[in-house]
Amino acid sequence: MNYRKLCDYFFELGALKKIRHSGTLLAGVKDPDSVAEHVFRASVIGHVLAKMEKADAAKTVLICLTHDNAEARITDLHKVARRYIDSRRGEKKACEGQSSCLPEEIGKDFLSCFLEFEKRSTKEAIIARDADMLETAFQAKEYLDCGYKACQDWIDNVGKCVKTASAKKILKQMRKIGFTDWFKQLKMTNY
C-alpha cells in the first residue's frame, strides 16, 4: 500500500471544495456552490432515491460520491465550454489517472463507478444520475428564490432528463415550495 499516493488523492479531493460550479456563473450567481457541496447533497438524494426505487443504496451512493472526482483535475465545465472542449474524454482520462494512484481494488471500484455513471449501464447509475440532476434543480431553486431568474432553465432541463418515477415526483413537489419553507415551519411549531 502506497500511503503517500493515498494521502495525495485525499488532498486532491479537497480541491473539489474550491471548484465552483461554472454554469451558474453565467446566470449571474455571484458565489456558486462548490463541486464538493453538490456531491454531498447528490449523495444523500441518491440514497433516498435508491431506497424509493428498490435499488442498491450503497452502490448508488458510491457512484454519487465519485462521479465528479475527476473535476479536481479538469474543473467544472459549463455547457457553453463543452461545445468546444470534450469534457467526457477529459474526465475519463482524469479518472483513470486518479484510479491508477489508488490501491488496485479501490481504483478499480472508483473507475467502475465513474464508467457506470457515464454509461447509465445499471439501475443504480440511472438513479445516481437522477440524484445528480435533482441536486442541480434544488440548487437552482435556491438561486431562483433569491432572484437569479436565469436559473429556472436548470429546473426545466432537469424535468426533461430525470428517469425514475421517484425523481419526477420529488421534482414536481420541489417546484411548488420555497427553499426556506422548511425552517419557517420549524419556527412556527412549539418545542
N, C-alpha and C. Protein backbone atom coordinates (compact mmCIF):
# COMPACT_ATOMS: atom_id res chain seq x y z
N MET A 1 0.86 -1.18 0.00
CA MET A 1 0.00 0.00 0.00
C MET A 1 0.90 1.24 0.00
N ASN A 2 0.64 2.13 -0.93
CA ASN A 2 1.41 3.37 -1.01
C ASN A 2 0.60 4.46 -0.31
N TYR A 3 0.92 4.69 0.95
CA TYR A 3 0.17 5.67 1.75
C TYR A 3 0.39 7.09 1.25
N ARG A 4 1.52 7.34 0.66
CA ARG A 4 1.78 8.67 0.12
C ARG A 4 0.79 8.99 -1.00
N LYS A 5 0.61 8.06 -1.94
CA LYS A 5 -0.32 8.29 -3.05
C LYS A 5 -1.76 8.41 -2.53
N LEU A 6 -2.07 7.63 -1.53
CA LEU A 6 -3.41 7.70 -0.95
C LEU A 6 -3.66 9.07 -0.33
N CYS A 7 -2.69 9.56 0.41
CA CYS A 7 -2.82 10.90 1.02
C CYS A 7 -2.89 11.98 -0.06
N ASP A 8 -2.08 11.83 -1.10
CA ASP A 8 -2.14 12.79 -2.21
C ASP A 8 -3.55 12.82 -2.82
N TYR A 9 -4.15 11.65 -2.97
CA TYR A 9 -5.50 11.57 -3.53
C TYR A 9 -6.51 12.28 -2.63
N PHE A 10 -6.41 12.07 -1.33
CA PHE A 10 -7.34 12.73 -0.41
C PHE A 10 -7.17 14.25 -0.46
N PHE A 11 -5.92 14.72 -0.56
CA PHE A 11 -5.70 16.16 -0.73
C PHE A 11 -6.28 16.65 -2.07
N GLU A 12 -6.11 15.84 -3.11
CA GLU A 12 -6.66 16.20 -4.42
C GLU A 12 -8.17 16.39 -4.34
N LEU A 13 -8.85 15.50 -3.63
CA LEU A 13 -10.30 15.64 -3.49
C LEU A 13 -10.67 16.93 -2.78
N GLY A 14 -9.79 17.44 -1.95
CA GLY A 14 -10.03 18.71 -1.28
C GLY A 14 -10.18 19.86 -2.26
N ALA A 15 -9.60 19.72 -3.44
CA ALA A 15 -9.75 20.76 -4.47
C ALA A 15 -11.21 20.94 -4.87
N LEU A 16 -12.00 19.88 -4.73
CA LEU A 16 -13.43 19.96 -5.10
C LEU A 16 -14.18 20.95 -4.23
N LYS A 17 -13.66 21.24 -3.04
CA LYS A 17 -14.29 22.24 -2.17
C LYS A 17 -14.06 23.65 -2.69
N LYS A 18 -13.04 23.81 -3.52
CA LYS A 18 -12.68 25.14 -4.03
C LYS A 18 -13.18 25.38 -5.45
N ILE A 19 -13.55 24.31 -6.16
CA ILE A 19 -14.00 24.44 -7.54
C ILE A 19 -15.50 24.74 -7.55
N ARG A 20 -15.85 25.89 -8.07
CA ARG A 20 -17.25 26.33 -8.12
C ARG A 20 -17.91 25.84 -9.39
N HIS A 21 -19.21 25.56 -9.28
CA HIS A 21 -19.97 25.22 -10.49
C HIS A 21 -19.97 26.43 -11.41
N SER A 22 -19.54 26.21 -12.62
CA SER A 22 -19.31 27.33 -13.54
C SER A 22 -20.56 27.78 -14.29
N GLY A 23 -21.50 26.89 -14.52
CA GLY A 23 -22.69 27.26 -15.28
C GLY A 23 -23.50 28.36 -14.64
N THR A 24 -23.64 28.30 -13.34
CA THR A 24 -24.44 29.31 -12.66
C THR A 24 -23.75 30.67 -12.64
N LEU A 25 -22.45 30.70 -12.85
CA LEU A 25 -21.77 31.98 -13.02
C LEU A 25 -22.33 32.72 -14.23
N LEU A 26 -22.61 31.96 -15.29
CA LEU A 26 -23.18 32.57 -16.50
C LEU A 26 -24.58 33.13 -16.23
N ALA A 27 -25.26 32.55 -15.24
CA ALA A 27 -26.59 33.02 -14.87
C ALA A 27 -26.54 34.19 -13.90
N GLY A 28 -25.34 34.62 -13.55
CA GLY A 28 -25.19 35.79 -12.69
C GLY A 28 -25.00 35.49 -11.22
N VAL A 29 -25.00 34.21 -10.83
CA VAL A 29 -24.82 33.87 -9.43
C VAL A 29 -23.42 34.28 -9.00
N LYS A 30 -23.34 35.07 -7.96
CA LYS A 30 -22.06 35.65 -7.52
C LYS A 30 -21.14 34.63 -6.82
N ASP A 31 -21.71 33.76 -6.02
CA ASP A 31 -20.92 32.80 -5.25
C ASP A 31 -21.55 31.42 -5.37
N PRO A 32 -21.34 30.75 -6.52
CA PRO A 32 -21.99 29.46 -6.73
C PRO A 32 -21.46 28.37 -5.80
N ASP A 33 -22.23 27.33 -5.68
CA ASP A 33 -21.85 26.18 -4.85
C ASP A 33 -20.60 25.52 -5.42
N SER A 34 -19.91 24.79 -4.56
CA SER A 34 -18.73 24.05 -5.00
C SER A 34 -19.13 22.66 -5.48
N VAL A 35 -18.23 22.03 -6.19
CA VAL A 35 -18.47 20.66 -6.64
C VAL A 35 -18.64 19.75 -5.42
N ALA A 36 -17.86 19.95 -4.39
CA ALA A 36 -17.97 19.12 -3.18
C ALA A 36 -19.34 19.28 -2.52
N GLU A 37 -19.84 20.50 -2.46
CA GLU A 37 -21.17 20.73 -1.88
C GLU A 37 -22.23 20.02 -2.71
N HIS A 38 -22.09 20.08 -4.01
CA HIS A 38 -23.01 19.40 -4.91
C HIS A 38 -22.99 17.89 -4.67
N VAL A 39 -21.79 17.32 -4.58
CA VAL A 39 -21.64 15.88 -4.42
C VAL A 39 -22.26 15.41 -3.10
N PHE A 40 -22.09 16.20 -2.03
CA PHE A 40 -22.67 15.81 -0.74
C PHE A 40 -24.19 15.64 -0.85
N ARG A 41 -24.88 16.69 -1.33
CA ARG A 41 -26.34 16.60 -1.38
C ARG A 41 -26.80 15.58 -2.41
N ALA A 42 -26.09 15.46 -3.53
CA ALA A 42 -26.45 14.45 -4.54
C ALA A 42 -26.35 13.05 -3.95
N SER A 43 -25.38 12.83 -3.09
CA SER A 43 -25.21 11.50 -2.48
C SER A 43 -26.36 11.17 -1.54
N VAL A 44 -26.80 12.15 -0.77
CA VAL A 44 -27.94 11.92 0.13
C VAL A 44 -29.20 11.68 -0.71
N ILE A 45 -29.40 12.49 -1.73
CA ILE A 45 -30.55 12.29 -2.62
C ILE A 45 -30.46 10.91 -3.26
N GLY A 46 -29.26 10.50 -3.67
CA GLY A 46 -29.07 9.19 -4.29
C GLY A 46 -29.48 8.06 -3.37
N HIS A 47 -29.12 8.18 -2.10
CA HIS A 47 -29.51 7.15 -1.13
C HIS A 47 -31.04 7.06 -1.03
N VAL A 48 -31.67 8.21 -0.90
CA VAL A 48 -33.13 8.23 -0.77
C VAL A 48 -33.79 7.66 -2.03
N LEU A 49 -33.35 8.12 -3.20
CA LEU A 49 -33.93 7.61 -4.46
C LEU A 49 -33.74 6.10 -4.59
N ALA A 50 -32.55 5.61 -4.24
CA ALA A 50 -32.28 4.17 -4.35
C ALA A 50 -33.25 3.37 -3.46
N LYS A 51 -33.48 3.87 -2.26
CA LYS A 51 -34.43 3.19 -1.38
C LYS A 51 -35.83 3.22 -1.98
N MET A 52 -36.22 4.37 -2.51
CA MET A 52 -37.55 4.51 -3.10
C MET A 52 -37.73 3.62 -4.33
N GLU A 53 -36.64 3.46 -5.08
CA GLU A 53 -36.70 2.69 -6.33
C GLU A 53 -36.28 1.23 -6.13
N LYS A 54 -36.07 0.82 -4.89
CA LYS A 54 -35.71 -0.56 -4.55
C LYS A 54 -34.41 -0.99 -5.26
N ALA A 55 -33.40 -0.16 -5.15
CA ALA A 55 -32.09 -0.45 -5.74
C ALA A 55 -31.05 -0.52 -4.63
N ASP A 56 -29.84 -0.84 -4.99
CA ASP A 56 -28.73 -0.94 -4.04
C ASP A 56 -28.30 0.47 -3.64
N ALA A 57 -28.67 0.87 -2.42
CA ALA A 57 -28.40 2.24 -1.97
C ALA A 57 -26.92 2.49 -1.78
N ALA A 58 -26.18 1.53 -1.25
CA ALA A 58 -24.74 1.73 -1.02
C ALA A 58 -24.01 1.94 -2.35
N LYS A 59 -24.36 1.15 -3.33
CA LYS A 59 -23.73 1.29 -4.65
C LYS A 59 -24.10 2.64 -5.27
N THR A 60 -25.35 3.03 -5.15
CA THR A 60 -25.80 4.30 -5.69
C THR A 60 -25.05 5.46 -5.04
N VAL A 61 -24.90 5.41 -3.73
CA VAL A 61 -24.19 6.47 -3.02
C VAL A 61 -22.73 6.52 -3.44
N LEU A 62 -22.09 5.36 -3.61
CA LEU A 62 -20.69 5.36 -4.04
C LEU A 62 -20.56 5.97 -5.44
N ILE A 63 -21.49 5.68 -6.32
CA ILE A 63 -21.46 6.29 -7.65
C ILE A 63 -21.61 7.81 -7.51
N CYS A 64 -22.55 8.25 -6.69
CA CYS A 64 -22.75 9.69 -6.48
C CYS A 64 -21.50 10.34 -5.89
N LEU A 65 -20.90 9.68 -4.92
CA LEU A 65 -19.72 10.24 -4.25
C LEU A 65 -18.53 10.39 -5.19
N THR A 66 -18.43 9.52 -6.19
CA THR A 66 -17.25 9.51 -7.05
C THR A 66 -17.48 10.11 -8.43
N HIS A 67 -18.71 10.43 -8.79
CA HIS A 67 -19.00 10.80 -10.18
C HIS A 67 -18.30 12.07 -10.65
N ASP A 68 -17.98 12.98 -9.74
CA ASP A 68 -17.32 14.23 -10.13
C ASP A 68 -15.87 14.34 -9.64
N ASN A 69 -15.29 13.25 -9.14
CA ASN A 69 -13.93 13.32 -8.61
C ASN A 69 -12.91 13.82 -9.63
N ALA A 70 -13.10 13.48 -10.88
CA ALA A 70 -12.16 13.89 -11.93
C ALA A 70 -12.13 15.41 -12.11
N GLU A 71 -13.18 16.08 -11.67
CA GLU A 71 -13.22 17.54 -11.80
C GLU A 71 -12.15 18.22 -10.94
N ALA A 72 -11.57 17.48 -10.01
CA ALA A 72 -10.43 18.02 -9.25
C ALA A 72 -9.27 18.30 -10.21
N ARG A 73 -9.23 17.57 -11.32
CA ARG A 73 -8.15 17.74 -12.31
C ARG A 73 -8.57 18.60 -13.50
N ILE A 74 -9.83 18.50 -13.92
CA ILE A 74 -10.22 19.23 -15.14
C ILE A 74 -11.17 20.39 -14.86
N THR A 75 -11.60 20.58 -13.64
CA THR A 75 -12.56 21.59 -13.17
C THR A 75 -13.96 21.28 -13.69
N ASP A 76 -14.88 22.14 -13.36
CA ASP A 76 -16.28 22.02 -13.81
C ASP A 76 -16.44 22.86 -15.07
N LEU A 77 -16.87 22.22 -16.14
CA LEU A 77 -17.06 22.94 -17.40
C LEU A 77 -18.55 23.07 -17.69
N HIS A 78 -19.01 24.29 -17.92
CA HIS A 78 -20.42 24.51 -18.24
C HIS A 78 -20.69 24.12 -19.69
N LYS A 79 -21.98 24.09 -20.04
CA LYS A 79 -22.38 23.61 -21.37
C LYS A 79 -21.82 24.43 -22.52
N VAL A 80 -21.62 25.72 -22.33
CA VAL A 80 -21.05 26.53 -23.40
C VAL A 80 -19.61 26.08 -23.67
N ALA A 81 -18.82 25.88 -22.61
CA ALA A 81 -17.45 25.41 -22.78
C ALA A 81 -17.41 24.03 -23.42
N ARG A 82 -18.38 23.19 -23.08
CA ARG A 82 -18.42 21.83 -23.63
C ARG A 82 -18.69 21.80 -25.13
N ARG A 83 -19.13 22.90 -25.69
CA ARG A 83 -19.28 22.97 -27.14
C ARG A 83 -17.93 22.93 -27.84
N TYR A 84 -16.87 23.31 -27.09
CA TYR A 84 -15.55 23.44 -27.67
C TYR A 84 -14.53 22.45 -27.09
N ILE A 85 -14.84 21.90 -25.93
CA ILE A 85 -13.91 21.01 -25.24
C ILE A 85 -14.64 19.70 -24.94
N ASP A 86 -14.01 18.59 -25.25
CA ASP A 86 -14.59 17.28 -24.98
C ASP A 86 -14.34 16.90 -23.52
N SER A 87 -15.23 17.35 -22.66
CA SER A 87 -15.04 17.12 -21.22
C SER A 87 -15.22 15.66 -20.85
N ARG A 88 -16.04 14.92 -21.58
CA ARG A 88 -16.23 13.50 -21.25
C ARG A 88 -14.92 12.73 -21.40
N ARG A 89 -14.23 12.98 -22.48
CA ARG A 89 -12.95 12.32 -22.70
C ARG A 89 -11.94 12.75 -21.64
N GLY A 90 -11.92 14.05 -21.34
CA GLY A 90 -11.01 14.56 -20.33
C GLY A 90 -11.30 14.00 -18.95
N GLU A 91 -12.59 13.92 -18.61
CA GLU A 91 -12.96 13.37 -17.30
C GLU A 91 -12.57 11.91 -17.19
N LYS A 92 -12.79 11.16 -18.26
CA LYS A 92 -12.43 9.74 -18.24
C LYS A 92 -10.92 9.58 -18.04
N LYS A 93 -10.15 10.35 -18.77
CA LYS A 93 -8.70 10.28 -18.66
C LYS A 93 -8.24 10.68 -17.25
N ALA A 94 -8.85 11.73 -16.70
CA ALA A 94 -8.51 12.16 -15.34
C ALA A 94 -8.89 11.09 -14.32
N CYS A 95 -10.04 10.47 -14.49
CA CYS A 95 -10.48 9.42 -13.56
C CYS A 95 -9.55 8.21 -13.64
N GLU A 96 -9.14 7.86 -14.84
CA GLU A 96 -8.18 6.75 -14.99
C GLU A 96 -6.87 7.09 -14.28
N GLY A 97 -6.41 8.33 -14.42
CA GLY A 97 -5.18 8.75 -13.75
C GLY A 97 -5.31 8.71 -12.24
N GLN A 98 -6.45 9.21 -11.74
CA GLN A 98 -6.68 9.16 -10.29
C GLN A 98 -6.72 7.72 -9.79
N SER A 99 -7.45 6.88 -10.51
CA SER A 99 -7.62 5.49 -10.09
C SER A 99 -6.31 4.73 -10.06
N SER A 100 -5.41 5.07 -10.98
CA SER A 100 -4.12 4.37 -11.04
C SER A 100 -3.24 4.70 -9.83
N CYS A 101 -3.54 5.77 -9.12
CA CYS A 101 -2.77 6.16 -7.93
C CYS A 101 -3.28 5.49 -6.67
N LEU A 102 -4.40 4.84 -6.75
CA LEU A 102 -5.02 4.22 -5.57
C LEU A 102 -4.66 2.74 -5.50
N PRO A 103 -4.82 2.12 -4.34
CA PRO A 103 -4.67 0.66 -4.28
C PRO A 103 -5.57 0.02 -5.35
N GLU A 104 -5.09 -1.02 -5.98
CA GLU A 104 -5.73 -1.57 -7.18
C GLU A 104 -7.24 -1.82 -7.03
N GLU A 105 -7.64 -2.47 -5.96
CA GLU A 105 -9.05 -2.80 -5.78
C GLU A 105 -9.90 -1.53 -5.65
N ILE A 106 -9.41 -0.55 -4.93
CA ILE A 106 -10.14 0.71 -4.73
C ILE A 106 -10.18 1.50 -6.03
N GLY A 107 -9.06 1.57 -6.71
CA GLY A 107 -9.01 2.27 -8.00
C GLY A 107 -9.98 1.67 -9.00
N LYS A 108 -10.05 0.34 -9.04
CA LYS A 108 -10.99 -0.33 -9.95
C LYS A 108 -12.43 0.01 -9.58
N ASP A 109 -12.73 0.03 -8.27
CA ASP A 109 -14.09 0.38 -7.81
C ASP A 109 -14.48 1.77 -8.28
N PHE A 110 -13.59 2.75 -8.06
CA PHE A 110 -13.90 4.13 -8.40
C PHE A 110 -14.03 4.32 -9.91
N LEU A 111 -13.14 3.70 -10.67
CA LEU A 111 -13.21 3.81 -12.13
C LEU A 111 -14.48 3.13 -12.64
N SER A 112 -14.80 1.99 -12.07
CA SER A 112 -16.02 1.28 -12.46
C SER A 112 -17.26 2.13 -12.18
N CYS A 113 -17.29 2.79 -11.03
CA CYS A 113 -18.42 3.67 -10.69
C CYS A 113 -18.54 4.81 -11.70
N PHE A 114 -17.40 5.41 -12.03
CA PHE A 114 -17.41 6.51 -13.00
C PHE A 114 -17.94 6.04 -14.35
N LEU A 115 -17.43 4.90 -14.84
CA LEU A 115 -17.85 4.39 -16.15
C LEU A 115 -19.32 4.00 -16.15
N GLU A 116 -19.76 3.40 -15.06
CA GLU A 116 -21.16 3.03 -14.90
C GLU A 116 -22.05 4.26 -14.96
N PHE A 117 -21.64 5.31 -14.26
CA PHE A 117 -22.39 6.57 -14.25
C PHE A 117 -22.46 7.16 -15.66
N GLU A 118 -21.34 7.18 -16.34
CA GLU A 118 -21.30 7.77 -17.69
C GLU A 118 -22.16 6.99 -18.68
N LYS A 119 -22.16 5.67 -18.56
CA LYS A 119 -22.91 4.82 -19.50
C LYS A 119 -24.36 4.62 -19.08
N ARG A 120 -24.69 4.94 -17.81
CA ARG A 120 -26.01 4.65 -17.26
C ARG A 120 -26.36 3.18 -17.49
N SER A 121 -25.37 2.31 -17.20
CA SER A 121 -25.48 0.90 -17.53
C SER A 121 -26.19 0.06 -16.47
N THR A 122 -26.52 0.64 -15.33
CA THR A 122 -27.22 -0.10 -14.29
C THR A 122 -28.33 0.78 -13.71
N LYS A 123 -29.21 0.13 -13.00
CA LYS A 123 -30.29 0.86 -12.32
C LYS A 123 -29.70 1.89 -11.35
N GLU A 124 -28.64 1.50 -10.65
CA GLU A 124 -28.01 2.39 -9.68
C GLU A 124 -27.38 3.61 -10.36
N ALA A 125 -26.81 3.41 -11.53
CA ALA A 125 -26.21 4.53 -12.27
C ALA A 125 -27.29 5.49 -12.77
N ILE A 126 -28.41 4.96 -13.19
CA ILE A 126 -29.53 5.81 -13.63
C ILE A 126 -30.05 6.62 -12.44
N ILE A 127 -30.17 5.97 -11.30
CA ILE A 127 -30.62 6.66 -10.10
C ILE A 127 -29.60 7.71 -9.66
N ALA A 128 -28.31 7.37 -9.74
CA ALA A 128 -27.26 8.33 -9.38
C ALA A 128 -27.33 9.55 -10.30
N ARG A 129 -27.59 9.34 -11.57
CA ARG A 129 -27.72 10.47 -12.49
C ARG A 129 -28.94 11.32 -12.13
N ASP A 130 -30.04 10.66 -11.79
CA ASP A 130 -31.22 11.41 -11.34
C ASP A 130 -30.90 12.22 -10.09
N ALA A 131 -30.14 11.63 -9.17
CA ALA A 131 -29.75 12.35 -7.95
C ALA A 131 -28.87 13.54 -8.30
N ASP A 132 -27.95 13.37 -9.21
CA ASP A 132 -27.09 14.44 -9.69
C ASP A 132 -27.93 15.58 -10.27
N MET A 133 -28.88 15.22 -11.10
CA MET A 133 -29.75 16.22 -11.73
C MET A 133 -30.67 16.89 -10.72
N LEU A 134 -31.25 16.09 -9.83
CA LEU A 134 -32.15 16.66 -8.82
C LEU A 134 -31.40 17.65 -7.94
N GLU A 135 -30.17 17.32 -7.59
CA GLU A 135 -29.40 18.24 -6.76
C GLU A 135 -29.22 19.57 -7.48
N THR A 136 -28.94 19.54 -8.76
CA THR A 136 -28.79 20.80 -9.50
C THR A 136 -30.10 21.57 -9.54
N ALA A 137 -31.21 20.84 -9.59
CA ALA A 137 -32.51 21.52 -9.58
C ALA A 137 -32.77 22.16 -8.22
N PHE A 138 -32.43 21.47 -7.13
CA PHE A 138 -32.60 22.06 -5.80
C PHE A 138 -31.73 23.29 -5.65
N GLN A 139 -30.48 23.21 -6.13
CA GLN A 139 -29.59 24.36 -6.04
C GLN A 139 -30.13 25.51 -6.88
N ALA A 140 -30.61 25.19 -8.07
CA ALA A 140 -31.18 26.23 -8.95
C ALA A 140 -32.41 26.87 -8.31
N LYS A 141 -33.22 26.07 -7.63
CA LYS A 141 -34.40 26.61 -6.96
C LYS A 141 -34.00 27.59 -5.86
N GLU A 142 -32.94 27.26 -5.13
CA GLU A 142 -32.44 28.19 -4.11
C GLU A 142 -32.01 29.51 -4.75
N TYR A 143 -31.27 29.41 -5.86
CA TYR A 143 -30.83 30.62 -6.55
C TYR A 143 -32.02 31.39 -7.13
N LEU A 144 -32.97 30.66 -7.70
CA LEU A 144 -34.17 31.28 -8.27
C LEU A 144 -34.95 32.05 -7.20
N ASP A 145 -35.12 31.42 -6.05
CA ASP A 145 -35.85 32.07 -4.96
C ASP A 145 -35.11 33.30 -4.43
N CYS A 146 -33.81 33.38 -4.69
CA CYS A 146 -33.01 34.55 -4.29
C CYS A 146 -32.93 35.61 -5.39
N GLY A 147 -33.66 35.36 -6.48
CA GLY A 147 -33.74 36.37 -7.53
C GLY A 147 -32.95 36.12 -8.80
N TYR A 148 -32.25 35.02 -8.89
CA TYR A 148 -31.49 34.70 -10.10
C TYR A 148 -32.42 33.98 -11.09
N LYS A 149 -33.17 34.76 -11.85
CA LYS A 149 -34.22 34.22 -12.71
C LYS A 149 -33.71 33.27 -13.79
N ALA A 150 -32.48 33.47 -14.25
CA ALA A 150 -31.94 32.61 -15.30
C ALA A 150 -31.77 31.16 -14.83
N CYS A 151 -31.81 30.93 -13.53
CA CYS A 151 -31.64 29.58 -13.01
C CYS A 151 -32.87 28.70 -13.23
N GLN A 152 -33.98 29.30 -13.65
CA GLN A 152 -35.16 28.50 -13.98
C GLN A 152 -34.85 27.46 -15.06
N ASP A 153 -33.94 27.80 -15.96
CA ASP A 153 -33.55 26.86 -17.02
C ASP A 153 -33.08 25.52 -16.47
N TRP A 154 -32.31 25.55 -15.37
CA TRP A 154 -31.80 24.30 -14.80
C TRP A 154 -32.96 23.42 -14.35
N ILE A 155 -33.92 24.02 -13.69
CA ILE A 155 -35.06 23.25 -13.20
C ILE A 155 -35.83 22.66 -14.37
N ASP A 156 -36.08 23.48 -15.39
CA ASP A 156 -36.81 23.00 -16.57
C ASP A 156 -36.06 21.87 -17.27
N ASN A 157 -34.75 22.02 -17.41
CA ASN A 157 -33.96 20.99 -18.09
C ASN A 157 -33.90 19.69 -17.29
N VAL A 158 -33.83 19.80 -15.97
CA VAL A 158 -33.83 18.59 -15.14
C VAL A 158 -35.15 17.84 -15.34
N GLY A 159 -36.23 18.58 -15.44
CA GLY A 159 -37.54 17.95 -15.66
C GLY A 159 -37.59 17.12 -16.92
N LYS A 160 -36.80 17.49 -17.90
CA LYS A 160 -36.76 16.75 -19.17
C LYS A 160 -35.87 15.51 -19.12
N CYS A 161 -34.97 15.43 -18.14
CA CYS A 161 -34.00 14.33 -18.21
C CYS A 161 -34.05 13.33 -17.06
N VAL A 162 -34.76 13.61 -15.96
CA VAL A 162 -34.83 12.59 -14.91
C VAL A 162 -35.66 11.40 -15.40
N LYS A 163 -35.26 10.21 -14.98
CA LYS A 163 -35.87 8.98 -15.50
C LYS A 163 -36.77 8.26 -14.51
N THR A 164 -36.42 8.28 -13.24
CA THR A 164 -37.17 7.47 -12.28
C THR A 164 -38.45 8.18 -11.85
N ALA A 165 -39.44 7.36 -11.52
CA ALA A 165 -40.72 7.90 -11.06
C ALA A 165 -40.54 8.71 -9.78
N SER A 166 -39.67 8.24 -8.89
CA SER A 166 -39.45 8.94 -7.63
C SER A 166 -38.83 10.31 -7.86
N ALA A 167 -37.86 10.40 -8.74
CA ALA A 167 -37.21 11.69 -9.03
C ALA A 167 -38.22 12.66 -9.64
N LYS A 168 -39.08 12.18 -10.49
CA LYS A 168 -40.10 13.04 -11.11
C LYS A 168 -41.06 13.58 -10.06
N LYS A 169 -41.44 12.74 -9.10
CA LYS A 169 -42.36 13.18 -8.04
C LYS A 169 -41.69 14.21 -7.12
N ILE A 170 -40.43 13.95 -6.79
CA ILE A 170 -39.70 14.89 -5.93
C ILE A 170 -39.57 16.24 -6.63
N LEU A 171 -39.21 16.23 -7.90
CA LEU A 171 -39.05 17.47 -8.66
C LEU A 171 -40.37 18.24 -8.73
N LYS A 172 -41.45 17.52 -8.94
CA LYS A 172 -42.77 18.16 -9.02
C LYS A 172 -43.09 18.87 -7.70
N GLN A 173 -42.81 18.21 -6.58
CA GLN A 173 -43.07 18.81 -5.27
C GLN A 173 -42.14 20.00 -5.02
N MET A 174 -40.86 19.84 -5.38
CA MET A 174 -39.88 20.89 -5.14
C MET A 174 -40.27 22.19 -5.84
N ARG A 175 -40.85 22.08 -7.01
CA ARG A 175 -41.25 23.27 -7.78
C ARG A 175 -42.32 24.08 -7.04
N LYS A 176 -43.09 23.44 -6.18
CA LYS A 176 -44.23 24.09 -5.52
C LYS A 176 -43.86 24.84 -4.24
N ILE A 177 -42.66 24.61 -3.72
CA ILE A 177 -42.33 25.18 -2.42
C ILE A 177 -41.13 26.11 -2.51
N GLY A 178 -40.97 26.91 -1.49
CA GLY A 178 -39.81 27.79 -1.40
C GLY A 178 -38.69 27.09 -0.64
N PHE A 179 -37.48 27.49 -0.93
CA PHE A 179 -36.35 26.79 -0.29
C PHE A 179 -36.21 27.13 1.19
N THR A 180 -36.90 28.15 1.67
CA THR A 180 -36.83 28.50 3.10
C THR A 180 -38.04 27.98 3.89
N ASP A 181 -38.96 27.33 3.21
CA ASP A 181 -40.17 26.86 3.89
C ASP A 181 -39.87 25.92 5.04
N TRP A 182 -38.85 25.10 4.92
CA TRP A 182 -38.55 24.12 5.96
C TRP A 182 -38.27 24.78 7.31
N PHE A 183 -37.53 25.88 7.31
CA PHE A 183 -37.23 26.48 8.61
C PHE A 183 -38.33 27.43 9.06
N LYS A 184 -39.10 27.97 8.13
CA LYS A 184 -40.25 28.80 8.53
C LYS A 184 -41.25 27.94 9.29
N GLN A 185 -41.44 26.71 8.85
CA GLN A 185 -42.36 25.80 9.53
C GLN A 185 -41.84 25.46 10.92
N LEU A 186 -40.55 25.26 11.05
CA LEU A 186 -39.98 24.94 12.36
C LEU A 186 -40.13 26.10 13.34
N LYS A 187 -40.01 27.32 12.83
CA LYS A 187 -40.17 28.49 13.70
C LYS A 187 -41.59 28.62 14.22
N MET A 188 -42.54 28.10 13.49
CA MET A 188 -43.95 28.23 13.85
C MET A 188 -44.41 27.15 14.84
N THR A 189 -43.61 26.09 15.01
CA THR A 189 -44.04 24.99 15.89
C THR A 189 -43.46 25.19 17.29
N ASN A 190 -44.17 24.67 18.25
CA ASN A 190 -43.71 24.70 19.64
C ASN A 190 -42.79 23.52 19.89
N TYR A 191 -41.80 23.74 20.74
CA TYR A 191 -40.85 22.67 21.05
C TYR A 191 -41.30 21.90 22.26
